[in-house]
N, C-alpha and C. Protein backbone atom coordinates (compact mmCIF):
# COMPACT_ATOMS: atom_id res chain seq x y z
N MET A 1 -7.02 18.58 -14.58
CA MET A 1 -6.63 17.25 -14.02
C MET A 1 -7.10 17.20 -12.48
N PRO A 2 -8.17 16.57 -12.31
CA PRO A 2 -8.73 16.42 -10.85
C PRO A 2 -7.68 15.81 -9.88
N GLU A 3 -7.67 16.43 -8.70
CA GLU A 3 -6.80 15.93 -7.58
C GLU A 3 -7.67 15.07 -6.69
N LEU A 4 -7.32 13.80 -6.45
CA LEU A 4 -8.18 12.92 -5.55
C LEU A 4 -7.24 12.58 -4.40
N ARG A 5 -7.90 12.57 -3.16
CA ARG A 5 -7.09 12.34 -1.94
C ARG A 5 -7.95 11.15 -1.23
N TYR A 6 -7.01 10.35 -0.51
CA TYR A 6 -7.70 9.47 0.47
C TYR A 6 -6.68 9.16 1.53
N GLN A 7 -7.30 8.74 2.76
CA GLN A 7 -6.56 8.28 3.79
C GLN A 7 -7.30 7.07 4.24
N LEU A 8 -6.59 5.83 4.19
CA LEU A 8 -7.20 4.65 4.52
C LEU A 8 -6.22 3.81 5.43
N ALA A 9 -6.84 2.96 6.19
CA ALA A 9 -6.10 1.98 7.11
C ALA A 9 -6.38 0.57 6.65
N PHE A 10 -5.37 -0.04 6.03
CA PHE A 10 -5.51 -1.36 5.51
C PHE A 10 -4.98 -2.41 6.51
N GLU A 11 -5.64 -3.52 6.61
CA GLU A 11 -5.14 -4.57 7.51
C GLU A 11 -5.26 -5.93 6.61
N GLY A 12 -4.25 -6.71 6.85
CA GLY A 12 -4.11 -7.99 6.04
C GLY A 12 -3.10 -8.77 6.53
N THR A 13 -2.47 -9.65 5.52
CA THR A 13 -1.32 -10.48 5.84
C THR A 13 -0.26 -10.35 4.95
N VAL A 14 0.96 -10.72 5.51
CA VAL A 14 2.20 -10.78 4.73
C VAL A 14 2.61 -12.25 4.68
N SER A 15 2.89 -12.75 3.52
CA SER A 15 3.35 -14.21 3.40
C SER A 15 4.48 -14.29 2.47
N PRO A 16 5.50 -15.14 2.87
CA PRO A 16 6.82 -15.36 2.01
C PRO A 16 6.40 -15.99 0.67
N GLU A 17 7.07 -15.50 -0.38
CA GLU A 17 6.84 -16.11 -1.69
C GLU A 17 7.99 -17.03 -1.98
N ASP A 18 9.12 -16.91 -1.28
CA ASP A 18 10.34 -17.73 -1.47
C ASP A 18 10.76 -18.34 -0.09
N GLU A 19 11.69 -19.31 -0.12
CA GLU A 19 12.10 -19.89 1.09
C GLU A 19 12.92 -18.98 2.01
N MET A 20 13.61 -18.01 1.37
CA MET A 20 14.42 -17.12 2.19
C MET A 20 13.68 -15.94 2.76
N GLY A 21 12.47 -15.71 2.37
CA GLY A 21 11.72 -14.57 2.84
C GLY A 21 12.12 -13.22 2.35
N ALA A 22 12.83 -13.23 1.19
CA ALA A 22 13.31 -11.96 0.57
C ALA A 22 12.28 -11.42 -0.29
N ARG A 23 11.28 -12.32 -0.72
CA ARG A 23 10.15 -11.83 -1.47
C ARG A 23 8.93 -12.17 -0.76
N MET A 24 8.07 -11.12 -0.50
CA MET A 24 6.94 -11.23 0.36
C MET A 24 5.63 -10.79 -0.49
N LEU A 25 4.56 -11.41 -0.17
CA LEU A 25 3.19 -10.91 -0.71
C LEU A 25 2.40 -10.33 0.33
N ILE A 26 1.78 -9.18 0.05
CA ILE A 26 0.88 -8.50 0.88
C ILE A 26 -0.62 -8.62 0.26
N ASP A 27 -1.44 -8.99 1.05
CA ASP A 27 -2.90 -8.85 0.76
C ASP A 27 -3.69 -8.33 1.91
N ALA A 28 -4.26 -7.29 1.64
CA ALA A 28 -4.96 -6.47 2.72
C ALA A 28 -6.19 -5.84 2.26
N SER A 29 -7.09 -5.30 3.11
CA SER A 29 -8.27 -4.51 2.68
C SER A 29 -8.52 -3.42 3.68
N ALA A 30 -9.30 -2.40 3.20
CA ALA A 30 -9.71 -1.24 4.09
C ALA A 30 -11.06 -0.84 3.74
N ALA A 31 -11.78 -0.40 4.76
CA ALA A 31 -13.11 0.20 4.65
C ALA A 31 -12.85 1.54 4.07
N VAL A 32 -13.61 1.98 3.04
CA VAL A 32 -13.43 3.26 2.48
C VAL A 32 -14.21 4.24 3.33
N SER A 33 -13.50 5.19 3.98
CA SER A 33 -14.22 6.05 4.99
C SER A 33 -14.84 7.29 4.23
N ALA A 34 -15.85 7.85 4.99
CA ALA A 34 -16.47 9.07 4.54
C ALA A 34 -15.47 10.21 4.29
N GLY A 35 -14.33 10.25 4.89
CA GLY A 35 -13.33 11.38 4.66
C GLY A 35 -12.61 11.20 3.38
N CYS A 36 -12.79 10.25 2.58
CA CYS A 36 -12.10 10.11 1.39
C CYS A 36 -12.79 10.95 0.28
N ASP A 37 -12.12 11.39 -0.75
CA ASP A 37 -12.73 11.88 -1.88
C ASP A 37 -13.96 11.23 -2.46
N PRO A 38 -15.12 11.87 -2.77
CA PRO A 38 -16.17 11.07 -3.26
C PRO A 38 -16.02 10.14 -4.34
N ALA A 39 -14.90 10.35 -5.09
CA ALA A 39 -14.58 9.37 -6.23
C ALA A 39 -14.20 7.97 -5.66
N PHE A 40 -13.89 7.94 -4.47
CA PHE A 40 -13.46 6.61 -3.84
C PHE A 40 -14.77 6.04 -3.20
N ALA A 41 -15.93 6.74 -3.13
CA ALA A 41 -16.91 6.16 -2.45
C ALA A 41 -17.49 4.74 -2.99
N GLN A 42 -17.63 3.82 -2.06
CA GLN A 42 -18.13 2.55 -2.39
C GLN A 42 -18.59 1.82 -1.24
N ASP A 43 -19.32 0.77 -1.48
CA ASP A 43 -19.76 -0.12 -0.45
C ASP A 43 -18.84 -1.26 -0.07
N ALA A 44 -17.99 -1.72 -1.06
CA ALA A 44 -17.08 -2.67 -0.85
C ALA A 44 -15.71 -2.16 -0.36
N PRO A 45 -14.90 -2.99 0.46
CA PRO A 45 -13.66 -2.49 0.78
C PRO A 45 -12.68 -2.37 -0.34
N ALA A 46 -11.72 -1.46 -0.22
CA ALA A 46 -10.63 -1.39 -0.99
C ALA A 46 -9.64 -2.49 -0.73
N THR A 47 -8.98 -3.08 -1.80
CA THR A 47 -8.02 -4.08 -1.48
C THR A 47 -6.61 -3.76 -2.08
N ILE A 48 -5.57 -4.33 -1.46
CA ILE A 48 -4.29 -4.06 -1.99
C ILE A 48 -3.53 -5.48 -2.14
N ASN A 49 -2.87 -5.60 -3.27
CA ASN A 49 -2.09 -6.82 -3.54
C ASN A 49 -0.79 -6.33 -3.91
N ALA A 50 0.30 -6.67 -3.20
CA ALA A 50 1.64 -6.21 -3.53
C ALA A 50 2.73 -7.28 -3.31
N VAL A 51 3.85 -7.03 -4.06
CA VAL A 51 5.05 -7.92 -3.88
C VAL A 51 6.17 -6.93 -3.43
N VAL A 52 6.75 -7.49 -2.22
CA VAL A 52 7.85 -6.68 -1.51
C VAL A 52 9.05 -7.52 -1.77
N GLU A 53 10.15 -6.88 -2.15
CA GLU A 53 11.47 -7.56 -2.29
C GLU A 53 12.45 -6.88 -1.36
N ALA A 54 12.85 -7.64 -0.33
CA ALA A 54 13.64 -7.10 0.79
C ALA A 54 15.13 -7.26 0.46
N ASP A 55 15.98 -6.32 0.98
CA ASP A 55 17.28 -6.49 0.87
C ASP A 55 17.89 -6.93 2.29
N GLU A 56 19.23 -7.18 2.40
CA GLU A 56 19.74 -7.62 3.67
C GLU A 56 19.92 -6.52 4.69
N TYR A 57 19.69 -5.29 4.36
CA TYR A 57 20.04 -4.21 5.28
C TYR A 57 18.66 -3.54 5.88
N GLY A 58 17.55 -4.20 5.62
CA GLY A 58 16.26 -3.63 6.15
C GLY A 58 15.48 -2.74 5.17
N GLY A 59 15.97 -2.67 4.01
CA GLY A 59 15.36 -1.87 2.81
C GLY A 59 14.50 -2.88 2.02
N PHE A 60 13.63 -2.24 1.29
CA PHE A 60 12.80 -3.04 0.29
C PHE A 60 12.33 -2.11 -0.73
N THR A 61 11.92 -2.80 -1.91
CA THR A 61 11.16 -2.19 -2.95
C THR A 61 9.80 -2.99 -2.97
N GLU A 62 8.79 -2.22 -3.62
CA GLU A 62 7.54 -2.84 -3.66
C GLU A 62 6.84 -2.41 -5.00
N THR A 63 5.98 -3.27 -5.55
CA THR A 63 5.11 -3.03 -6.65
C THR A 63 3.80 -3.61 -6.26
N GLY A 64 2.73 -2.94 -6.71
CA GLY A 64 1.46 -3.61 -6.41
C GLY A 64 0.18 -2.83 -7.05
N GLU A 65 -0.92 -3.18 -6.58
CA GLU A 65 -2.18 -2.54 -7.07
C GLU A 65 -3.08 -2.39 -5.87
N ILE A 66 -3.89 -1.24 -5.92
CA ILE A 66 -4.89 -0.96 -5.03
C ILE A 66 -6.27 -0.94 -5.79
N ASN A 67 -7.14 -1.82 -5.37
CA ASN A 67 -8.42 -1.87 -6.24
C ASN A 67 -9.62 -1.17 -5.47
N PHE A 68 -10.21 -0.38 -6.18
CA PHE A 68 -11.40 0.40 -5.80
C PHE A 68 -12.49 0.09 -6.86
N LEU A 69 -13.78 0.29 -6.45
CA LEU A 69 -14.83 0.00 -7.45
C LEU A 69 -14.62 0.90 -8.70
N ALA A 70 -14.07 2.12 -8.45
CA ALA A 70 -13.88 3.04 -9.62
C ALA A 70 -12.75 2.70 -10.60
N GLY A 71 -11.89 1.75 -10.08
CA GLY A 71 -10.66 1.36 -10.87
C GLY A 71 -9.58 0.82 -9.98
N THR A 72 -8.51 0.52 -10.65
CA THR A 72 -7.28 0.12 -9.92
C THR A 72 -6.12 1.00 -10.09
N ILE A 73 -5.40 1.30 -8.97
CA ILE A 73 -4.13 2.05 -9.02
C ILE A 73 -3.10 1.09 -9.02
N ARG A 74 -2.06 1.38 -9.97
CA ARG A 74 -0.85 0.56 -10.05
C ARG A 74 0.22 1.36 -9.51
N TYR A 75 1.24 0.89 -8.72
CA TYR A 75 2.18 1.66 -8.17
C TYR A 75 3.59 0.85 -7.98
N GLN A 76 4.54 1.60 -7.86
CA GLN A 76 5.88 0.95 -7.43
C GLN A 76 6.56 1.99 -6.43
N SER A 77 7.40 1.42 -5.61
CA SER A 77 7.96 2.25 -4.56
C SER A 77 8.87 3.27 -5.22
N ARG A 78 8.97 4.44 -4.59
CA ARG A 78 9.89 5.54 -5.02
C ARG A 78 11.10 5.38 -4.16
N GLY A 79 12.16 4.85 -4.71
CA GLY A 79 13.35 4.59 -3.80
C GLY A 79 13.04 3.39 -2.91
N GLU A 80 13.74 3.28 -1.88
CA GLU A 80 13.58 2.18 -1.00
C GLU A 80 12.69 2.52 0.26
N GLY A 81 11.96 1.66 0.58
CA GLY A 81 11.24 1.61 1.92
C GLY A 81 12.15 1.02 2.95
N PHE A 82 11.78 1.17 4.17
CA PHE A 82 12.56 0.52 5.30
C PHE A 82 11.61 -0.11 6.37
N ILE A 83 12.14 -1.13 7.04
CA ILE A 83 11.39 -1.75 8.14
C ILE A 83 12.47 -1.89 9.29
N GLU A 84 11.94 -1.68 10.49
CA GLU A 84 12.88 -1.79 11.67
C GLU A 84 12.01 -2.18 12.88
N PRO A 85 12.81 -2.61 13.93
CA PRO A 85 12.16 -3.04 15.21
C PRO A 85 11.39 -1.88 15.85
N THR A 86 10.35 -2.20 16.65
CA THR A 86 9.76 -1.19 17.59
C THR A 86 10.08 -1.49 19.07
N ILE A 87 9.48 -0.76 19.92
CA ILE A 87 9.80 -1.04 21.32
C ILE A 87 8.94 -2.39 21.75
N GLU A 88 8.03 -2.89 20.92
CA GLU A 88 7.40 -4.08 21.21
C GLU A 88 8.11 -5.13 20.46
N ASP A 89 8.48 -6.15 21.21
CA ASP A 89 9.30 -7.36 20.69
C ASP A 89 8.61 -8.06 19.52
N ASP A 90 7.34 -8.08 19.41
CA ASP A 90 6.71 -8.88 18.49
C ASP A 90 6.16 -8.00 17.12
N LYS A 91 6.72 -6.85 17.03
CA LYS A 91 6.27 -5.98 16.00
C LYS A 91 7.41 -5.14 15.35
N GLN A 92 7.17 -4.98 14.03
CA GLN A 92 8.24 -4.08 13.40
C GLN A 92 7.43 -2.94 12.69
N GLN A 93 8.08 -1.91 12.37
CA GLN A 93 7.44 -0.70 11.66
C GLN A 93 8.22 -0.20 10.61
N GLY A 94 7.55 0.40 9.66
CA GLY A 94 8.20 0.84 8.35
C GLY A 94 7.51 1.93 7.75
N CYS A 95 8.07 2.38 6.58
CA CYS A 95 7.63 3.51 5.85
C CYS A 95 8.03 3.24 4.41
N VAL A 96 7.16 3.73 3.55
CA VAL A 96 7.49 3.59 1.98
C VAL A 96 6.76 4.68 1.28
N ILE A 97 7.28 5.19 0.21
CA ILE A 97 6.52 6.07 -0.58
C ILE A 97 6.31 5.45 -1.95
N ARG A 98 5.09 5.38 -2.44
CA ARG A 98 4.69 4.68 -3.69
C ARG A 98 4.34 5.69 -4.66
N ALA A 99 4.91 5.51 -5.77
CA ALA A 99 4.67 6.33 -6.98
C ALA A 99 3.51 5.80 -7.83
N VAL A 100 2.44 6.51 -8.04
CA VAL A 100 1.37 5.96 -8.89
C VAL A 100 1.83 5.79 -10.31
N GLN A 101 1.64 4.70 -11.00
CA GLN A 101 1.97 4.55 -12.37
C GLN A 101 0.78 4.15 -13.26
N GLY A 102 -0.26 4.91 -13.05
CA GLY A 102 -1.44 4.64 -13.81
C GLY A 102 -2.31 3.69 -13.27
N GLY A 103 -3.23 3.05 -14.02
CA GLY A 103 -4.24 2.15 -13.62
C GLY A 103 -5.35 1.89 -14.57
N THR A 104 -6.48 1.56 -14.08
CA THR A 104 -7.69 1.26 -14.79
C THR A 104 -8.80 2.21 -14.33
N GLY A 105 -9.91 2.21 -15.10
CA GLY A 105 -11.02 3.05 -14.65
C GLY A 105 -10.64 4.40 -14.61
N ILE A 106 -11.11 5.16 -13.49
CA ILE A 106 -10.63 6.58 -13.40
C ILE A 106 -9.24 6.81 -13.18
N PHE A 107 -8.42 5.81 -12.94
CA PHE A 107 -7.01 5.90 -12.63
C PHE A 107 -6.14 5.69 -13.78
N GLU A 108 -6.84 5.43 -14.95
CA GLU A 108 -5.97 5.32 -16.30
C GLU A 108 -5.15 6.57 -16.39
N ASN A 109 -3.82 6.41 -16.64
CA ASN A 109 -2.98 7.67 -16.82
C ASN A 109 -2.80 8.39 -15.61
N ALA A 110 -3.25 7.91 -14.42
CA ALA A 110 -3.03 8.71 -13.20
C ALA A 110 -1.59 8.83 -12.82
N SER A 111 -1.33 9.85 -11.93
CA SER A 111 -0.04 10.00 -11.36
C SER A 111 -0.23 10.49 -9.90
N GLY A 112 0.92 10.50 -9.11
CA GLY A 112 0.73 10.91 -7.76
C GLY A 112 1.58 10.12 -6.80
N TYR A 113 1.31 10.23 -5.62
CA TYR A 113 2.00 9.51 -4.47
C TYR A 113 1.09 9.05 -3.46
N ILE A 114 1.52 7.89 -2.85
CA ILE A 114 0.76 7.32 -1.70
C ILE A 114 1.87 7.14 -0.59
N VAL A 115 1.69 7.75 0.54
CA VAL A 115 2.65 7.57 1.60
C VAL A 115 2.11 6.52 2.59
N SER A 116 3.01 5.46 2.92
CA SER A 116 2.56 4.36 3.79
C SER A 116 3.37 4.32 4.97
N THR A 117 2.88 4.25 6.14
CA THR A 117 3.46 3.91 7.44
C THR A 117 2.76 2.63 7.89
N PHE A 118 3.46 1.63 8.26
CA PHE A 118 2.92 0.37 8.63
C PHE A 118 3.67 -0.35 9.72
N THR A 119 2.89 -1.38 10.23
CA THR A 119 3.43 -2.30 11.19
C THR A 119 3.30 -3.59 10.69
N VAL A 120 4.10 -4.57 11.14
CA VAL A 120 3.98 -6.05 10.77
C VAL A 120 4.22 -6.73 12.14
N SER A 121 3.30 -7.54 12.47
CA SER A 121 3.33 -8.38 13.74
C SER A 121 4.09 -9.64 13.50
N GLU A 122 4.35 -10.25 14.64
CA GLU A 122 5.05 -11.59 14.64
C GLU A 122 4.27 -12.58 13.86
N ASN A 123 2.91 -12.52 13.99
CA ASN A 123 2.08 -13.53 13.29
C ASN A 123 1.71 -13.04 11.90
N ALA A 124 2.43 -12.19 11.27
CA ALA A 124 2.39 -11.83 9.79
C ALA A 124 1.06 -10.89 9.53
N VAL A 125 0.60 -10.17 10.51
CA VAL A 125 -0.50 -9.21 10.27
C VAL A 125 0.12 -7.88 9.85
N ILE A 126 -0.29 -7.26 8.73
CA ILE A 126 0.19 -5.89 8.45
C ILE A 126 -0.98 -4.99 8.67
N ARG A 127 -0.65 -3.76 9.20
CA ARG A 127 -1.58 -2.65 9.46
C ARG A 127 -0.89 -1.52 8.80
N ASP A 128 -1.48 -1.04 7.62
CA ASP A 128 -0.90 -0.12 6.80
C ASP A 128 -1.66 1.24 6.63
N SER A 129 -1.28 2.38 7.10
CA SER A 129 -1.89 3.70 7.18
C SER A 129 -1.48 4.37 5.87
N GLN A 130 -2.36 4.63 4.98
CA GLN A 130 -1.97 5.30 3.72
C GLN A 130 -2.55 6.67 3.55
N SER A 131 -1.85 7.62 3.04
CA SER A 131 -2.28 8.82 2.65
C SER A 131 -1.95 9.19 1.18
N ALA A 132 -2.91 9.54 0.44
CA ALA A 132 -2.60 9.68 -1.04
C ALA A 132 -3.14 10.95 -1.63
N ALA A 133 -2.27 11.40 -2.63
CA ALA A 133 -2.73 12.46 -3.45
C ALA A 133 -2.59 12.00 -4.89
N ILE A 134 -3.59 11.90 -5.71
CA ILE A 134 -3.49 11.31 -6.91
C ILE A 134 -4.18 12.21 -8.02
N PHE A 135 -3.48 12.33 -9.18
CA PHE A 135 -3.92 13.21 -10.26
C PHE A 135 -4.48 12.49 -11.41
N THR A 136 -5.71 12.62 -11.81
CA THR A 136 -6.29 11.93 -12.95
C THR A 136 -6.62 12.92 -14.00
N LYS A 137 -6.66 12.26 -15.32
CA LYS A 137 -6.90 13.18 -16.43
C LYS A 137 -8.36 13.21 -16.81
């Protein structure tokens, strides 16, 4: 079972899906760097589409997909992520662990984890630094 790794920096937007802002949509992309495993090599950016469901205490759960030319990774959060203020008034920071739930292409039946540390600005821009170790069959 090959082990694949990547470290990517995604940037995009967060938008509310409901009036209360408890359910948010994330759309972001990242250039695939030379430091990634060769299986991720591509000329097009990787994209992420996710749904975040927040609770009233600063925690959240997340489900989503990360699209590469070689296939799509499906994931869901492992436990709750969190988001909190930073020393900058217009920015929040957070962290979540994502469990890989298979996917398409080379990620069919894949498993592993993606660790995400991110910031969200007042104008709904998300910057998400991801580090992943993924196992494929």
